[in-house]
Amino acid sequence: MEKERLQKFLANQGICSRRKAEEYILGGLVSVNGEVVKELGTKIDPSKDEVIFNGKKVSNIDKKVYILLNKPIGYVTTTKDQFRKRYST
């Protein structure tokens, strides 16, 4: 497997965003193979290297699951309706 940047690996595993991962790395919360990493741009091999974040092992998740949903007409799927429309079902 190819090597990838540590912050990208953390983001792909759902730990945080890449920008937040950079903060965690600089803060000394991430270690690779038992050594604390504080340098941005560090590359790892996800299939071989052991990554620890905040005291917990980060496992490599390669398999992605996609879910397709069908939204019926007349249903609003939002947390905030910016147009404040009233829908009748």
N, C-alpha and C. Protein backbone atom coordinates (compact mmCIF):
# COMPACT_ATOMS: atom_id res chain seq x y z
N MET A 1 0.84 -1.18 0.00
CA MET A 1 0.00 0.00 0.00
C MET A 1 0.88 1.24 0.00
N GLU A 2 0.41 2.29 -0.64
CA GLU A 2 1.17 3.52 -0.71
C GLU A 2 1.16 4.26 0.61
N LYS A 3 2.20 5.06 0.80
CA LYS A 3 2.26 5.89 2.00
C LYS A 3 1.37 7.11 1.80
N GLU A 4 0.78 7.59 2.91
CA GLU A 4 -0.04 8.79 2.86
C GLU A 4 0.26 9.65 4.08
N ARG A 5 -0.07 10.93 3.95
CA ARG A 5 0.18 11.86 5.05
C ARG A 5 -0.67 11.48 6.26
N LEU A 6 -0.10 11.66 7.42
CA LEU A 6 -0.75 11.27 8.67
C LEU A 6 -2.06 12.01 8.88
N GLN A 7 -2.11 13.31 8.58
CA GLN A 7 -3.35 14.05 8.78
C GLN A 7 -4.45 13.59 7.83
N LYS A 8 -4.09 13.18 6.64
CA LYS A 8 -5.07 12.66 5.69
C LYS A 8 -5.59 11.30 6.18
N PHE A 9 -4.71 10.49 6.72
CA PHE A 9 -5.12 9.18 7.26
C PHE A 9 -6.13 9.37 8.38
N LEU A 10 -5.84 10.28 9.31
CA LEU A 10 -6.77 10.52 10.43
C LEU A 10 -8.12 11.02 9.93
N ALA A 11 -8.11 11.89 8.94
CA ALA A 11 -9.36 12.41 8.38
C ALA A 11 -10.15 11.30 7.68
N ASN A 12 -9.47 10.44 6.95
CA ASN A 12 -10.14 9.35 6.24
C ASN A 12 -10.74 8.32 7.19
N GLN A 13 -10.20 8.23 8.39
CA GLN A 13 -10.72 7.28 9.37
C GLN A 13 -11.86 7.87 10.18
N GLY A 14 -12.22 9.12 9.90
CA GLY A 14 -13.34 9.75 10.58
C GLY A 14 -13.01 10.33 11.94
N ILE A 15 -11.74 10.50 12.24
CA ILE A 15 -11.33 11.04 13.53
C ILE A 15 -11.63 12.54 13.60
N CYS A 16 -11.24 13.26 12.55
CA CYS A 16 -11.42 14.70 12.51
C CYS A 16 -11.14 15.19 11.09
N SER A 17 -11.18 16.51 10.89
CA SER A 17 -10.82 17.07 9.59
C SER A 17 -9.30 17.11 9.47
N ARG A 18 -8.82 17.32 8.25
CA ARG A 18 -7.36 17.39 8.06
C ARG A 18 -6.76 18.57 8.81
N ARG A 19 -7.45 19.69 8.83
CA ARG A 19 -6.94 20.88 9.56
C ARG A 19 -6.86 20.60 11.06
N LYS A 20 -7.89 19.97 11.59
CA LYS A 20 -7.91 19.65 13.02
C LYS A 20 -6.83 18.61 13.33
N ALA A 21 -6.61 17.67 12.41
CA ALA A 21 -5.57 16.66 12.60
C ALA A 21 -4.20 17.31 12.70
N GLU A 22 -3.98 18.36 11.93
CA GLU A 22 -2.71 19.08 12.02
C GLU A 22 -2.52 19.67 13.41
N GLU A 23 -3.59 20.20 13.99
CA GLU A 23 -3.51 20.74 15.34
C GLU A 23 -3.19 19.63 16.35
N TYR A 24 -3.83 18.48 16.20
CA TYR A 24 -3.59 17.36 17.11
C TYR A 24 -2.15 16.85 16.98
N ILE A 25 -1.64 16.82 15.77
CA ILE A 25 -0.25 16.36 15.56
C ILE A 25 0.72 17.33 16.22
N LEU A 26 0.53 18.62 15.99
CA LEU A 26 1.41 19.63 16.60
C LEU A 26 1.28 19.63 18.12
N GLY A 27 0.10 19.25 18.63
CA GLY A 27 -0.11 19.19 20.08
C GLY A 27 0.42 17.93 20.73
N GLY A 28 0.96 17.00 19.94
CA GLY A 28 1.56 15.78 20.49
C GLY A 28 0.56 14.71 20.87
N LEU A 29 -0.63 14.73 20.29
CA LEU A 29 -1.66 13.74 20.62
C LEU A 29 -1.61 12.50 19.73
N VAL A 30 -0.72 12.49 18.73
CA VAL A 30 -0.67 11.39 17.78
C VAL A 30 0.72 10.75 17.83
N SER A 31 0.72 9.41 17.89
CA SER A 31 1.99 8.70 17.83
C SER A 31 1.92 7.61 16.77
N VAL A 32 3.06 7.36 16.15
CA VAL A 32 3.17 6.33 15.12
C VAL A 32 4.25 5.35 15.56
N ASN A 33 3.88 4.09 15.66
CA ASN A 33 4.80 3.03 16.08
C ASN A 33 5.48 3.36 17.41
N GLY A 34 4.73 3.94 18.33
CA GLY A 34 5.25 4.21 19.67
C GLY A 34 5.98 5.52 19.83
N GLU A 35 6.16 6.28 18.75
CA GLU A 35 6.86 7.56 18.84
C GLU A 35 5.89 8.70 18.56
N VAL A 36 5.92 9.72 19.43
CA VAL A 36 5.05 10.88 19.25
C VAL A 36 5.52 11.66 18.03
N VAL A 37 4.57 11.99 17.16
CA VAL A 37 4.87 12.74 15.94
C VAL A 37 4.41 14.17 16.13
N LYS A 38 5.34 15.13 15.91
CA LYS A 38 4.99 16.55 16.02
C LYS A 38 5.34 17.31 14.76
N GLU A 39 5.63 16.58 13.69
CA GLU A 39 6.02 17.20 12.43
C GLU A 39 4.94 16.96 11.38
N LEU A 40 4.46 18.06 10.77
CA LEU A 40 3.45 17.94 9.73
C LEU A 40 4.07 17.36 8.46
N GLY A 41 3.27 16.64 7.71
CA GLY A 41 3.75 16.04 6.47
C GLY A 41 4.35 14.67 6.66
N THR A 42 4.31 14.15 7.87
CA THR A 42 4.83 12.81 8.13
C THR A 42 4.00 11.80 7.36
N LYS A 43 4.68 10.91 6.64
CA LYS A 43 3.97 9.91 5.85
C LYS A 43 4.03 8.56 6.56
N ILE A 44 2.91 7.83 6.46
CA ILE A 44 2.82 6.51 7.08
C ILE A 44 2.32 5.50 6.06
N ASP A 45 2.55 4.24 6.35
CA ASP A 45 1.99 3.14 5.56
C ASP A 45 0.85 2.56 6.40
N PRO A 46 -0.41 2.84 6.04
CA PRO A 46 -1.54 2.41 6.86
C PRO A 46 -1.63 0.90 7.07
N SER A 47 -1.06 0.12 6.17
CA SER A 47 -1.14 -1.33 6.32
C SER A 47 -0.09 -1.87 7.29
N LYS A 48 0.94 -1.08 7.58
CA LYS A 48 2.03 -1.57 8.45
C LYS A 48 2.17 -0.79 9.76
N ASP A 49 1.99 0.53 9.70
CA ASP A 49 2.24 1.38 10.86
C ASP A 49 1.07 1.38 11.83
N GLU A 50 1.40 1.48 13.11
CA GLU A 50 0.39 1.55 14.16
C GLU A 50 0.24 3.01 14.59
N VAL A 51 -0.97 3.54 14.42
CA VAL A 51 -1.25 4.93 14.75
C VAL A 51 -2.09 4.98 16.01
N ILE A 52 -1.64 5.78 16.98
CA ILE A 52 -2.35 5.96 18.24
C ILE A 52 -2.76 7.43 18.33
N PHE A 53 -4.06 7.66 18.54
CA PHE A 53 -4.56 9.02 18.72
C PHE A 53 -5.23 9.12 20.08
N ASN A 54 -4.75 10.02 20.89
CA ASN A 54 -5.33 10.27 22.21
C ASN A 54 -5.43 8.98 23.04
N GLY A 55 -4.42 8.14 22.92
CA GLY A 55 -4.36 6.91 23.72
C GLY A 55 -5.10 5.72 23.14
N LYS A 56 -5.72 5.87 21.97
CA LYS A 56 -6.48 4.77 21.36
C LYS A 56 -5.94 4.46 19.97
N LYS A 57 -5.88 3.18 19.65
CA LYS A 57 -5.39 2.75 18.34
C LYS A 57 -6.41 3.11 17.26
N VAL A 58 -5.90 3.66 16.16
CA VAL A 58 -6.74 4.00 15.02
C VAL A 58 -6.60 2.88 14.01
N SER A 59 -7.69 2.17 13.76
CA SER A 59 -7.63 1.06 12.81
C SER A 59 -7.89 1.56 11.40
N ASN A 60 -7.29 0.90 10.44
CA ASN A 60 -7.41 1.26 9.04
C ASN A 60 -8.71 0.71 8.48
N ILE A 61 -9.60 1.60 8.05
CA ILE A 61 -10.88 1.19 7.47
C ILE A 61 -10.79 1.42 5.96
N ASP A 62 -10.72 0.33 5.20
CA ASP A 62 -10.65 0.45 3.75
C ASP A 62 -12.02 0.36 3.11
N LYS A 63 -12.91 -0.39 3.71
CA LYS A 63 -14.21 -0.62 3.10
C LYS A 63 -15.14 0.55 3.39
N LYS A 64 -15.75 1.08 2.33
CA LYS A 64 -16.69 2.18 2.49
C LYS A 64 -18.09 1.66 2.20
N VAL A 65 -19.05 2.22 2.90
CA VAL A 65 -20.44 1.84 2.72
C VAL A 65 -21.20 3.06 2.19
N TYR A 66 -21.92 2.86 1.11
CA TYR A 66 -22.72 3.92 0.53
C TYR A 66 -24.18 3.56 0.68
N ILE A 67 -24.97 4.52 1.10
CA ILE A 67 -26.40 4.30 1.29
C ILE A 67 -27.15 5.27 0.39
N LEU A 68 -28.05 4.72 -0.39
CA LEU A 68 -28.85 5.53 -1.30
C LEU A 68 -30.28 5.56 -0.79
N LEU A 69 -30.81 6.74 -0.60
CA LEU A 69 -32.17 6.90 -0.10
C LEU A 69 -33.02 7.63 -1.14
N ASN A 70 -34.30 7.31 -1.17
CA ASN A 70 -35.23 7.96 -2.06
C ASN A 70 -36.16 8.82 -1.21
N LYS A 71 -36.13 10.11 -1.46
CA LYS A 71 -36.96 11.04 -0.70
C LYS A 71 -38.26 11.29 -1.47
N PRO A 72 -39.39 10.94 -0.89
CA PRO A 72 -40.66 11.17 -1.57
C PRO A 72 -40.96 12.66 -1.75
N ILE A 73 -41.75 12.98 -2.76
CA ILE A 73 -42.14 14.36 -3.04
C ILE A 73 -42.94 14.90 -1.85
N GLY A 74 -42.66 16.15 -1.48
CA GLY A 74 -43.38 16.79 -0.39
C GLY A 74 -42.67 16.71 0.95
N TYR A 75 -41.56 15.97 1.04
CA TYR A 75 -40.82 15.87 2.30
C TYR A 75 -39.62 16.79 2.25
N VAL A 76 -39.38 17.48 3.35
CA VAL A 76 -38.23 18.37 3.45
C VAL A 76 -37.18 17.69 4.31
N THR A 77 -35.97 17.61 3.81
CA THR A 77 -34.89 16.99 4.58
C THR A 77 -33.81 18.05 4.82
N THR A 78 -33.99 18.79 5.87
CA THR A 78 -33.05 19.83 6.24
C THR A 78 -33.14 20.07 7.74
N THR A 79 -32.08 20.60 8.30
CA THR A 79 -32.12 20.94 9.72
C THR A 79 -32.67 22.35 9.93
N LYS A 80 -32.58 23.16 8.86
CA LYS A 80 -33.11 24.51 8.94
C LYS A 80 -33.66 24.88 7.57
N ASP A 81 -34.93 25.21 7.51
CA ASP A 81 -35.57 25.58 6.26
C ASP A 81 -35.37 27.07 6.03
N GLN A 82 -34.42 27.42 5.19
CA GLN A 82 -34.06 28.82 4.99
C GLN A 82 -35.17 29.62 4.31
N PHE A 83 -36.08 28.95 3.60
CA PHE A 83 -37.16 29.64 2.91
C PHE A 83 -38.47 29.63 3.72
N ARG A 84 -38.48 28.90 4.81
CA ARG A 84 -39.64 28.79 5.71
C ARG A 84 -40.92 28.44 4.96
N LYS A 85 -40.78 27.49 4.08
CA LYS A 85 -41.94 27.04 3.31
C LYS A 85 -42.78 26.09 4.16
N ARG A 86 -44.04 26.12 3.92
CA ARG A 86 -44.96 25.20 4.58
C ARG A 86 -45.35 24.14 3.57
N TYR A 87 -45.08 22.91 3.95
CA TYR A 87 -45.40 21.80 3.06
C TYR A 87 -46.55 21.00 3.64
N SER A 88 -47.42 20.58 2.81
CA SER A 88 -48.51 19.71 3.27
C SER A 88 -48.25 18.31 2.73
N THR A 89 -48.52 17.32 3.55
CA THR A 89 -48.29 15.94 3.13
C THR A 89 -49.58 15.23 2.85
